[in-house]
Amino acid sequence: MLGELLLEEKGKISGYRVVPSRGGGQRVEVSFQASGKVLGIEHRTLATYWSVVQPNGFLYGEGQGVVMTKDGDRATWVGQGAGRFKPGGGVSWRGAVYYQTASAKLARLNGIAAVFEYETDANDNTSGKLWEWK
């Protein structure tokens, strides 16, 4: 069951890198920056994820990032997800992330599974939403 909306952000892909995949083929690494609100607090996200196209045409990916508030609070995250290419460009992702933080303001993120919707478009714009998974 989905719980509270924890994070909402919009951003821009800042870079791509193509590297060999362990199983053959290519793995694409994507870095992005985004801003919005986490737990009602303005934040900025810096993150990188990689993805591989599976034989069925869908994507599998894993990523990591850091969320930073204007007051210097921060939380790191790791996650994984499944994606599909959208007509006209971009990718639609669904998955889960897990946070760690020593910040009292962001402590609510510790110890929970959070599920996300993350979208990219043909112009490298990003948008994401994250909910607690109860």
Protein backbone atom coordinates (compact mmCIF):
# COMPACT_ATOMS: atom_id res chain seq x y z
CA MET A 1 0.00 0.00 0.00
CA LEU A 2 1.29 3.44 -0.87
CA GLY A 3 1.73 5.87 1.97
CA GLU A 4 2.68 9.51 2.15
CA LEU A 5 4.26 11.36 -0.79
CA LEU A 6 7.82 11.89 0.48
CA LEU A 7 9.54 13.62 -2.42
CA GLU A 8 8.69 15.43 -5.64
CA GLU A 9 11.30 16.90 -7.98
CA LYS A 10 12.08 18.05 -11.50
CA GLY A 11 15.48 18.17 -13.13
CA LYS A 12 17.77 17.65 -16.08
CA ILE A 13 20.06 14.87 -17.25
CA SER A 14 23.62 16.22 -17.15
CA GLY A 15 25.53 13.40 -18.82
CA TYR A 16 25.63 9.97 -20.38
CA ARG A 17 28.34 7.33 -20.53
CA VAL A 18 28.24 4.01 -22.38
CA VAL A 19 30.34 1.18 -20.93
CA PRO A 20 30.52 -2.57 -21.55
CA SER A 21 28.05 -4.66 -19.58
CA ARG A 22 29.17 -7.73 -17.63
CA GLY A 23 26.78 -9.93 -19.60
CA GLY A 24 27.70 -8.49 -22.98
CA GLY A 25 26.14 -5.55 -24.73
CA GLN A 26 26.24 -2.01 -23.37
CA ARG A 27 25.36 -0.42 -20.09
CA VAL A 28 24.33 3.24 -20.17
CA GLU A 29 25.18 5.43 -17.17
CA VAL A 30 23.07 8.56 -16.67
CA SER A 31 23.75 11.44 -14.29
CA PHE A 32 21.10 13.97 -13.38
CA GLN A 33 20.42 16.93 -11.10
CA ALA A 34 16.98 17.78 -9.77
CA SER A 35 15.30 20.01 -7.22
CA GLY A 36 12.01 20.04 -5.39
CA LYS A 37 10.74 19.10 -1.94
CA VAL A 38 11.56 16.16 0.30
CA LEU A 39 9.44 15.86 3.45
CA GLY A 40 8.26 19.41 2.72
CA ILE A 41 11.84 20.78 2.67
CA GLU A 42 13.43 22.29 -0.44
CA HIS A 43 16.22 20.07 -1.72
CA ARG A 44 18.59 19.32 -4.57
CA THR A 45 19.39 15.80 -5.80
CA LEU A 46 22.59 14.66 -7.50
CA ALA A 47 22.46 11.10 -8.80
CA THR A 48 23.77 8.53 -11.25
CA TYR A 49 22.11 5.36 -12.43
CA TRP A 50 22.94 2.71 -14.98
CA SER A 51 20.63 0.66 -17.15
CA VAL A 52 20.78 -2.27 -19.54
CA VAL A 53 18.25 -3.28 -22.16
CA GLN A 54 16.96 -6.76 -21.43
CA PRO A 55 16.17 -9.28 -24.22
CA ASN A 56 12.45 -8.43 -23.87
CA GLY A 57 13.14 -4.75 -24.67
CA PHE A 58 12.54 -3.44 -21.13
CA LEU A 59 15.25 -1.80 -19.03
CA TYR A 60 16.72 -2.82 -15.69
CA GLY A 61 18.71 -0.26 -13.72
CA GLU A 62 20.40 0.56 -10.42
CA GLY A 63 21.38 3.93 -9.03
CA GLN A 64 22.64 5.99 -6.15
CA GLY A 65 22.40 9.60 -5.16
CA VAL A 66 22.37 12.25 -2.51
CA VAL A 67 19.59 14.62 -1.47
CA MET A 68 20.80 17.93 0.03
CA THR A 69 18.76 20.67 1.70
CA LYS A 70 19.65 24.36 1.74
CA ASP A 71 20.49 24.02 5.45
CA GLY A 72 23.13 21.38 4.73
CA ASP A 73 21.12 18.30 5.71
CA ARG A 74 21.63 15.36 3.41
CA ALA A 75 20.59 11.79 2.82
CA THR A 76 22.08 9.21 0.49
CA TRP A 77 20.06 6.61 -1.39
CA VAL A 78 20.45 3.45 -3.43
CA GLY A 79 17.77 1.91 -5.60
CA GLN A 80 16.78 -0.24 -8.51
CA GLY A 81 14.01 -0.25 -11.02
CA ALA A 82 12.47 -1.33 -14.29
CA GLY A 83 11.95 0.97 -17.24
CA ARG A 84 10.33 1.14 -20.62
CA PHE A 85 11.01 3.39 -23.58
CA LYS A 86 8.31 5.99 -24.32
CA PRO A 87 7.06 6.82 -27.81
CA GLY A 88 8.80 10.00 -28.95
CA GLY A 89 11.76 9.57 -26.58
CA GLY A 90 12.56 9.23 -22.93
CA VAL A 91 12.03 6.45 -20.43
CA SER A 92 9.41 5.72 -17.78
CA TRP A 93 10.82 4.07 -14.62
CA ARG A 94 9.27 2.38 -11.58
CA GLY A 95 11.23 1.02 -8.65
CA ALA A 96 12.29 1.29 -5.03
CA VAL A 97 14.92 3.26 -3.12
CA TYR A 98 16.38 3.06 0.38
CA TYR A 99 17.80 6.04 2.25
CA GLN A 100 20.40 6.57 4.95
CA THR A 101 20.86 9.81 6.86
CA ALA A 102 22.22 11.14 10.13
CA SER A 103 20.06 14.29 9.73
CA ALA A 104 17.32 14.74 12.32
CA LYS A 105 15.21 16.65 9.74
CA LEU A 106 15.40 13.78 7.24
CA ALA A 107 15.42 10.87 9.73
CA ARG A 108 11.93 9.82 8.61
CA LEU A 109 13.60 8.39 5.49
CA ASN A 110 15.68 5.88 7.48
CA GLY A 111 14.52 2.27 7.55
CA ILE A 112 11.71 2.51 5.02
CA ALA A 113 11.20 1.22 1.51
CA ALA A 114 10.14 3.99 -0.83
CA VAL A 115 8.70 3.43 -4.30
CA PHE A 116 9.15 5.85 -7.14
CA GLU A 117 7.92 7.01 -10.50
CA TYR A 118 10.69 8.63 -12.53
CA GLU A 119 10.27 9.99 -16.05
CA THR A 120 12.66 11.34 -18.64
CA ASP A 121 11.73 12.94 -21.95
CA ALA A 122 13.34 13.40 -25.35
CA ASN A 123 14.88 16.71 -24.17
CA ASP A 124 16.58 15.14 -21.11
CA ASN A 125 14.14 16.66 -18.61
CA THR A 126 13.37 14.53 -15.55
CA SER A 127 10.57 14.34 -13.02
CA GLY A 128 10.18 12.08 -10.04
CA LYS A 129 7.83 11.26 -7.20
CA LEU A 130 8.52 9.02 -4.22
CA TRP A 131 6.09 7.44 -1.76
CA GLU A 132 6.54 5.41 1.38
CA TRP A 133 5.68 1.74 0.77
CA LYS A 134 3.73 0.56 3.79
